Amino acid sequence: MYPTLPAPARPEWSFLWLQAPLRSLRYSICQQHRCRISLALALLLLFALLLTFVYAAPGYLAMKLVNPLQSLHLAGSEHQAAEHRAAEHHAASGAKP
């Protein structure tokens, strides 16, 4: 009774960009501006590193001003110095180790 139209002859991938919008953005934007996007990401990373340095530097500089020789001490050096003094004392008393 009602007229019917034949199914349209279109490729299967014609509406794929509706199903995967991020993929369509990748092909439309990234292909044209790949160099600019890479440069912007590199500058953003460099700026983040610089910002981190500026944020942390005053604390490290203040620690250096308060105790400038702190970085020269090795872990456990006080324990090694105590053992060395005990060995010298033991040797000075004439006892065998």
C-alpha atoms as a PDB file:
ATOM      1  CA  MET A   1       0.000   0.000   0.000  1.00  0.00           C
ATOM      2  CA  TYR A   2       2.688   2.457   0.954  1.00  0.00           C
ATOM      3  CA  PRO A   3       5.581   2.925  -1.441  1.00  0.00           C
ATOM      4  CA  THR A   4       8.937   1.634  -0.223  1.00  0.00           C
ATOM      5  CA  LEU A   5      12.378   2.828  -1.142  1.00  0.00           C
ATOM      6  CA  PRO A   6      15.290   0.537  -1.719  1.00  0.00           C
ATOM      7  CA  ALA A   7      18.025   0.485   0.901  1.00  0.00           C
ATOM      8  CA  PRO A   8      20.637   3.154   0.247  1.00  0.00           C
ATOM      9  CA  ALA A   9      23.862   1.989  -1.322  1.00  0.00           C
ATOM     10  CA  ARG A  10      26.437   3.510   0.991  1.00  0.00           C
ATOM     11  CA  PRO A  11      29.687   2.083   2.307  1.00  0.00           C
ATOM     12  CA  GLU A  12      29.728   0.524   5.743  1.00  0.00           C
ATOM     13  CA  TRP A  13      32.248   3.044   7.080  1.00  0.00           C
ATOM     14  CA  SER A  14      30.366   6.207   6.092  1.00  0.00           C
ATOM     15  CA  PHE A  15      29.024   6.865   9.613  1.00  0.00           C
ATOM     16  CA  LEU A  16      32.020   5.505  11.470  1.00  0.00           C
ATOM     17  CA  TRP A  17      33.040   9.030  12.510  1.00  0.00           C
ATOM     18  CA  LEU A  18      29.802   9.256  14.497  1.00  0.00           C
ATOM     19  CA  GLN A  19      30.599   6.043  16.317  1.00  0.00           C
ATOM     20  CA  ALA A  20      34.210   6.957  17.130  1.00  0.00           C
ATOM     21  CA  PRO A  21      34.486  10.735  17.626  1.00  0.00           C
ATOM     22  CA  LEU A  22      37.983  10.608  19.144  1.00  0.00           C
ATOM     23  CA  ARG A  23      39.293   8.822  16.087  1.00  0.00           C
ATOM     24  CA  SER A  24      37.784  11.469  13.830  1.00  0.00           C
ATOM     25  CA  LEU A  25      39.380  14.207  15.958  1.00  0.00           C
ATOM     26  CA  ARG A  26      42.694  12.420  15.670  1.00  0.00           C
ATOM     27  CA  TYR A  27      42.554  12.373  11.902  1.00  0.00           C
ATOM     28  CA  SER A  28      41.155  15.872  11.492  1.00  0.00           C
ATOM     29  CA  ILE A  29      43.228  17.779  14.057  1.00  0.00           C
ATOM     30  CA  CYS A  30      46.360  15.762  14.718  1.00  0.00           C
ATOM     31  CA  GLN A  31      47.320  15.314  11.085  1.00  0.00           C
ATOM     32  CA  GLN A  32      47.181  19.050  10.396  1.00  0.00           C
ATOM     33  CA  HIS A  33      48.725  20.340  13.619  1.00  0.00           C
ATOM     34  CA  ARG A  34      51.017  17.508  14.716  1.00  0.00           C
ATOM     35  CA  CYS A  35      54.087  19.756  14.944  1.00  0.00           C
ATOM     36  CA  ARG A  36      52.279  22.461  16.913  1.00  0.00           C
ATOM     37  CA  ILE A  37      50.793  19.955  19.345  1.00  0.00           C
ATOM     38  CA  SER A  38      54.184  18.312  19.930  1.00  0.00           C
ATOM     39  CA  LEU A  39      55.835  21.681  20.475  1.00  0.00           C
ATOM     40  CA  ALA A  40      53.089  22.768  22.879  1.00  0.00           C
ATOM     41  CA  LEU A  41      53.424  19.547  24.906  1.00  0.00           C
ATOM     42  CA  ALA A  42      57.213  19.911  25.072  1.00  0.00           C
ATOM     43  CA  LEU A  43      56.915  23.541  26.207  1.00  0.00           C
ATOM     44  CA  LEU A  44      54.299  22.563  28.779  1.00  0.00           C
ATOM     45  CA  LEU A  45      56.601  19.869  30.179  1.00  0.00           C
ATOM     46  CA  LEU A  46      59.530  22.286  30.289  1.00  0.00           C
ATOM     47  CA  PHE A  47      57.381  24.889  32.034  1.00  0.00           C
ATOM     48  CA  ALA A  48      56.235  22.293  34.597  1.00  0.00           C
ATOM     49  CA  LEU A  49      59.860  21.368  35.355  1.00  0.00           C
ATOM     50  CA  LEU A  50      60.799  25.032  35.721  1.00  0.00           C
ATOM     51  CA  LEU A  51      57.818  25.646  37.986  1.00  0.00           C
ATOM     52  CA  THR A  52      58.785  22.652  40.145  1.00  0.00           C
ATOM     53  CA  PHE A  53      62.339  23.978  40.441  1.00  0.00           C
ATOM     54  CA  VAL A  54      61.128  27.454  41.429  1.00  0.00           C
ATOM     55  CA  TYR A  55      58.762  25.910  43.978  1.00  0.00           C
ATOM     56  CA  ALA A  56      61.380  23.631  45.569  1.00  0.00           C
ATOM     57  CA  ALA A  57      64.516  25.788  45.343  1.00  0.00           C
ATOM     58  CA  PRO A  58      63.823  28.107  48.346  1.00  0.00           C
ATOM     59  CA  GLY A  59      63.446  25.137  50.676  1.00  0.00           C
ATOM     60  CA  TYR A  60      66.716  23.561  49.527  1.00  0.00           C
ATOM     61  CA  LEU A  61      68.530  26.903  49.713  1.00  0.00           C
ATOM     62  CA  ALA A  62      67.225  27.468  53.238  1.00  0.00           C
ATOM     63  CA  MET A  63      68.433  24.002  54.290  1.00  0.00           C
ATOM     64  CA  LYS A  64      71.872  24.792  52.878  1.00  0.00           C
ATOM     65  CA  LEU A  65      72.013  28.073  54.797  1.00  0.00           C
ATOM     66  CA  VAL A  66      71.033  26.417  58.080  1.00  0.00           C
ATOM     67  CA  ASN A  67      73.340  23.389  57.796  1.00  0.00           C
ATOM     68  CA  PRO A  68      75.705  23.729  54.834  1.00  0.00           C
ATOM     69  CA  LEU A  69      77.651  20.521  55.607  1.00  0.00           C
ATOM     70  CA  GLN A  70      74.578  18.293  55.866  1.00  0.00           C
ATOM     71  CA  SER A  71      75.001  16.968  52.333  1.00  0.00           C
ATOM     72  CA  LEU A  72      78.603  15.879  53.049  1.00  0.00           C
ATOM     73  CA  HIS A  73      77.647  13.432  55.828  1.00  0.00           C
ATOM     74  CA  LEU A  74      77.199   9.885  54.670  1.00  0.00           C
ATOM     75  CA  ALA A  75      74.500   7.668  56.057  1.00  0.00           C
ATOM     76  CA  GLY A  76      75.863   5.845  59.076  1.00  0.00           C
ATOM     77  CA  SER A  77      79.033   7.917  59.321  1.00  0.00           C
ATOM     78  CA  GLU A  78      78.404   8.641  63.007  1.00  0.00           C
ATOM     79  CA  HIS A  79      78.222   4.911  63.672  1.00  0.00           C
ATOM     80  CA  GLN A  80      81.469   4.328  61.770  1.00  0.00           C
ATOM     81  CA  ALA A  81      83.191   7.143  63.681  1.00  0.00           C
ATOM     82  CA  ALA A  82      82.106   5.602  67.007  1.00  0.00           C
ATOM     83  CA  GLU A  83      83.499   2.222  65.956  1.00  0.00           C
ATOM     84  CA  HIS A  84      86.763   3.869  64.895  1.00  0.00           C
ATOM     85  CA  ARG A  85      87.101   5.630  68.279  1.00  0.00           C
ATOM     86  CA  ALA A  86      86.394   2.369  70.112  1.00  0.00           C
ATOM     87  CA  ALA A  87      89.051   0.563  68.059  1.00  0.00           C
ATOM     88  CA  GLU A  88      91.600   3.311  68.794  1.00  0.00           C
ATOM     89  CA  HIS A  89      90.783   3.160  72.490  1.00  0.00           C
ATOM     90  CA  HIS A  90      91.085  -0.609  72.462  1.00  0.00           C
ATOM     91  CA  ALA A  91      94.464  -0.432  70.670  1.00  0.00           C
ATOM     92  CA  ALA A  92      95.759   2.260  73.034  1.00  0.00           C
ATOM     93  CA  SER A  93      94.982   0.137  76.083  1.00  0.00           C
ATOM     94  CA  GLY A  94      97.206  -2.642  74.733  1.00  0.00           C
ATOM     95  CA  ALA A  95      94.551  -5.351  74.679  1.00  0.00           C
ATOM     96  CA  LYS A  96      94.342  -7.830  71.808  1.00  0.00           C
ATOM     97  CA  PRO A  97      91.188  -7.514  69.681  1.00  0.00           C
END
